[in-house]
Amino acid sequence: MNPASPADPRPVVVRATPIELAQFIKFGGLAESGGAAKQAISQGRVLVNGVAETRKGRKLVVGDQVAFGGQTLVVASQ
């Protein structure tokens, strides 16, 4: 089996959906703080399902993919 590359989606389990984009980025470890997450989003450096997203409050649901900093996370539920 090949090890996962940084671009392979990594599931992140959340307690409830929808979850705000900035909160998910911080929770998933893509940003060190909520402020850093919000800044990256406002600069258009975050992709949601392959499309640049600039709305910090964008609601994510199970199955949404978020890419930032060479990593991709997928919203998952318990």
C-alpha atoms as a PDB file:
ATOM      1  CA  MET A   1       0.000   0.000   0.000  1.00  0.00           C
ATOM      2  CA  ASN A   2       1.305   3.454  -0.900  1.00  0.00           C
ATOM      3  CA  PRO A   3       1.550   6.079   1.827  1.00  0.00           C
ATOM      4  CA  ALA A   4      -0.881   8.975   1.498  1.00  0.00           C
ATOM      5  CA  SER A   5       0.420  12.016  -0.306  1.00  0.00           C
ATOM      6  CA  PRO A   6      -0.257  15.514   1.069  1.00  0.00           C
ATOM      7  CA  ALA A   7      -2.920  16.037  -1.608  1.00  0.00           C
ATOM      8  CA  ASP A   8      -4.916  12.939  -0.585  1.00  0.00           C
ATOM      9  CA  PRO A   9      -8.094  13.968   1.246  1.00  0.00           C
ATOM     10  CA  ARG A  10      -8.003  13.336   4.991  1.00  0.00           C
ATOM     11  CA  PRO A  11     -11.358  12.879   6.731  1.00  0.00           C
ATOM     12  CA  VAL A  12     -12.005  15.109   9.734  1.00  0.00           C
ATOM     13  CA  VAL A  13     -14.874  13.986  11.954  1.00  0.00           C
ATOM     14  CA  VAL A  14     -17.057  16.799  13.262  1.00  0.00           C
ATOM     15  CA  ARG A  15     -19.765  16.536  15.913  1.00  0.00           C
ATOM     16  CA  ALA A  16     -22.426  18.375  13.960  1.00  0.00           C
ATOM     17  CA  THR A  17     -22.992  19.858  10.545  1.00  0.00           C
ATOM     18  CA  PRO A  18     -23.197  22.349   9.099  1.00  0.00           C
ATOM     19  CA  ILE A  19     -19.882  23.739  10.353  1.00  0.00           C
ATOM     20  CA  GLU A  20     -18.423  27.117   9.384  1.00  0.00           C
ATOM     21  CA  LEU A  21     -15.452  27.049   7.022  1.00  0.00           C
ATOM     22  CA  ALA A  22     -13.099  29.049   9.264  1.00  0.00           C
ATOM     23  CA  GLN A  23     -13.947  26.845  12.247  1.00  0.00           C
ATOM     24  CA  PHE A  24     -13.353  23.681  10.216  1.00  0.00           C
ATOM     25  CA  ILE A  25      -9.963  24.890   8.955  1.00  0.00           C
ATOM     26  CA  LYS A  26      -8.819  25.581  12.512  1.00  0.00           C
ATOM     27  CA  PHE A  27     -10.319  22.338  13.874  1.00  0.00           C
ATOM     28  CA  GLY A  28      -8.694  20.328  11.085  1.00  0.00           C
ATOM     29  CA  GLY A  29      -5.273  21.796  11.836  1.00  0.00           C
ATOM     30  CA  LEU A  30      -4.802  23.671   8.559  1.00  0.00           C
ATOM     31  CA  ALA A  31      -4.450  26.985  10.419  1.00  0.00           C
ATOM     32  CA  GLU A  32      -2.961  27.737  13.839  1.00  0.00           C
ATOM     33  CA  SER A  33      -5.755  30.121  14.803  1.00  0.00           C
ATOM     34  CA  GLY A  34      -9.185  31.268  13.781  1.00  0.00           C
ATOM     35  CA  GLY A  35      -7.689  34.580  12.689  1.00  0.00           C
ATOM     36  CA  ALA A  36      -5.204  32.850  10.389  1.00  0.00           C
ATOM     37  CA  ALA A  37      -8.027  30.767   8.913  1.00  0.00           C
ATOM     38  CA  LYS A  38     -10.182  33.847   8.293  1.00  0.00           C
ATOM     39  CA  GLN A  39      -7.276  35.692   6.671  1.00  0.00           C
ATOM     40  CA  ALA A  40      -6.532  32.790   4.295  1.00  0.00           C
ATOM     41  CA  ILE A  41     -10.202  32.579   3.340  1.00  0.00           C
ATOM     42  CA  SER A  42     -10.561  36.326   2.719  1.00  0.00           C
ATOM     43  CA  GLN A  43      -7.463  36.197   0.491  1.00  0.00           C
ATOM     44  CA  GLY A  44      -9.041  33.446  -1.636  1.00  0.00           C
ATOM     45  CA  ARG A  45      -6.387  30.860  -0.727  1.00  0.00           C
ATOM     46  CA  VAL A  46      -8.909  28.217   0.410  1.00  0.00           C
ATOM     47  CA  LEU A  47     -10.739  25.919  -1.986  1.00  0.00           C
ATOM     48  CA  VAL A  48     -14.065  24.298  -1.170  1.00  0.00           C
ATOM     49  CA  ASN A  49     -14.924  21.454  -3.522  1.00  0.00           C
ATOM     50  CA  GLY A  50     -12.310  22.788  -5.950  1.00  0.00           C
ATOM     51  CA  VAL A  51     -13.568  26.397  -6.020  1.00  0.00           C
ATOM     52  CA  ALA A  52     -11.943  29.382  -4.269  1.00  0.00           C
ATOM     53  CA  GLU A  53     -14.099  30.479  -1.327  1.00  0.00           C
ATOM     54  CA  THR A  54     -13.923  33.908   0.321  1.00  0.00           C
ATOM     55  CA  ARG A  55     -16.891  33.620   2.716  1.00  0.00           C
ATOM     56  CA  LYS A  56     -15.602  32.867   6.233  1.00  0.00           C
ATOM     57  CA  GLY A  57     -19.052  31.777   7.345  1.00  0.00           C
ATOM     58  CA  ARG A  58     -19.569  29.345   4.469  1.00  0.00           C
ATOM     59  CA  LYS A  59     -21.428  26.348   5.880  1.00  0.00           C
ATOM     60  CA  LEU A  60     -19.878  22.952   5.193  1.00  0.00           C
ATOM     61  CA  VAL A  61     -21.720  19.628   5.187  1.00  0.00           C
ATOM     62  CA  VAL A  62     -20.553  16.008   5.198  1.00  0.00           C
ATOM     63  CA  GLY A  63     -18.581  15.239   2.044  1.00  0.00           C
ATOM     64  CA  ASP A  64     -17.350  18.792   1.381  1.00  0.00           C
ATOM     65  CA  GLN A  65     -13.629  18.982   0.584  1.00  0.00           C
ATOM     66  CA  VAL A  66     -11.488  21.860   1.832  1.00  0.00           C
ATOM     67  CA  ALA A  67      -7.998  22.433   0.376  1.00  0.00           C
ATOM     68  CA  PHE A  68      -5.400  24.801   1.805  1.00  0.00           C
ATOM     69  CA  GLY A  69      -1.626  24.755   2.208  1.00  0.00           C
ATOM     70  CA  GLY A  70      -1.125  21.614   0.127  1.00  0.00           C
ATOM     71  CA  GLN A  71      -3.568  19.575   2.221  1.00  0.00           C
ATOM     72  CA  THR A  72      -7.144  18.501   1.584  1.00  0.00           C
ATOM     73  CA  LEU A  73      -9.647  17.713   4.318  1.00  0.00           C
ATOM     74  CA  VAL A  74     -13.066  16.112   3.944  1.00  0.00           C
ATOM     75  CA  VAL A  75     -15.938  16.831   6.335  1.00  0.00           C
ATOM     76  CA  ALA A  76     -16.996  13.535   7.941  1.00  0.00           C
ATOM     77  CA  SER A  77     -19.508  12.588  10.621  1.00  0.00           C
ATOM     78  CA  GLN A  78     -19.341  10.046  13.431  1.00  0.00           C
END
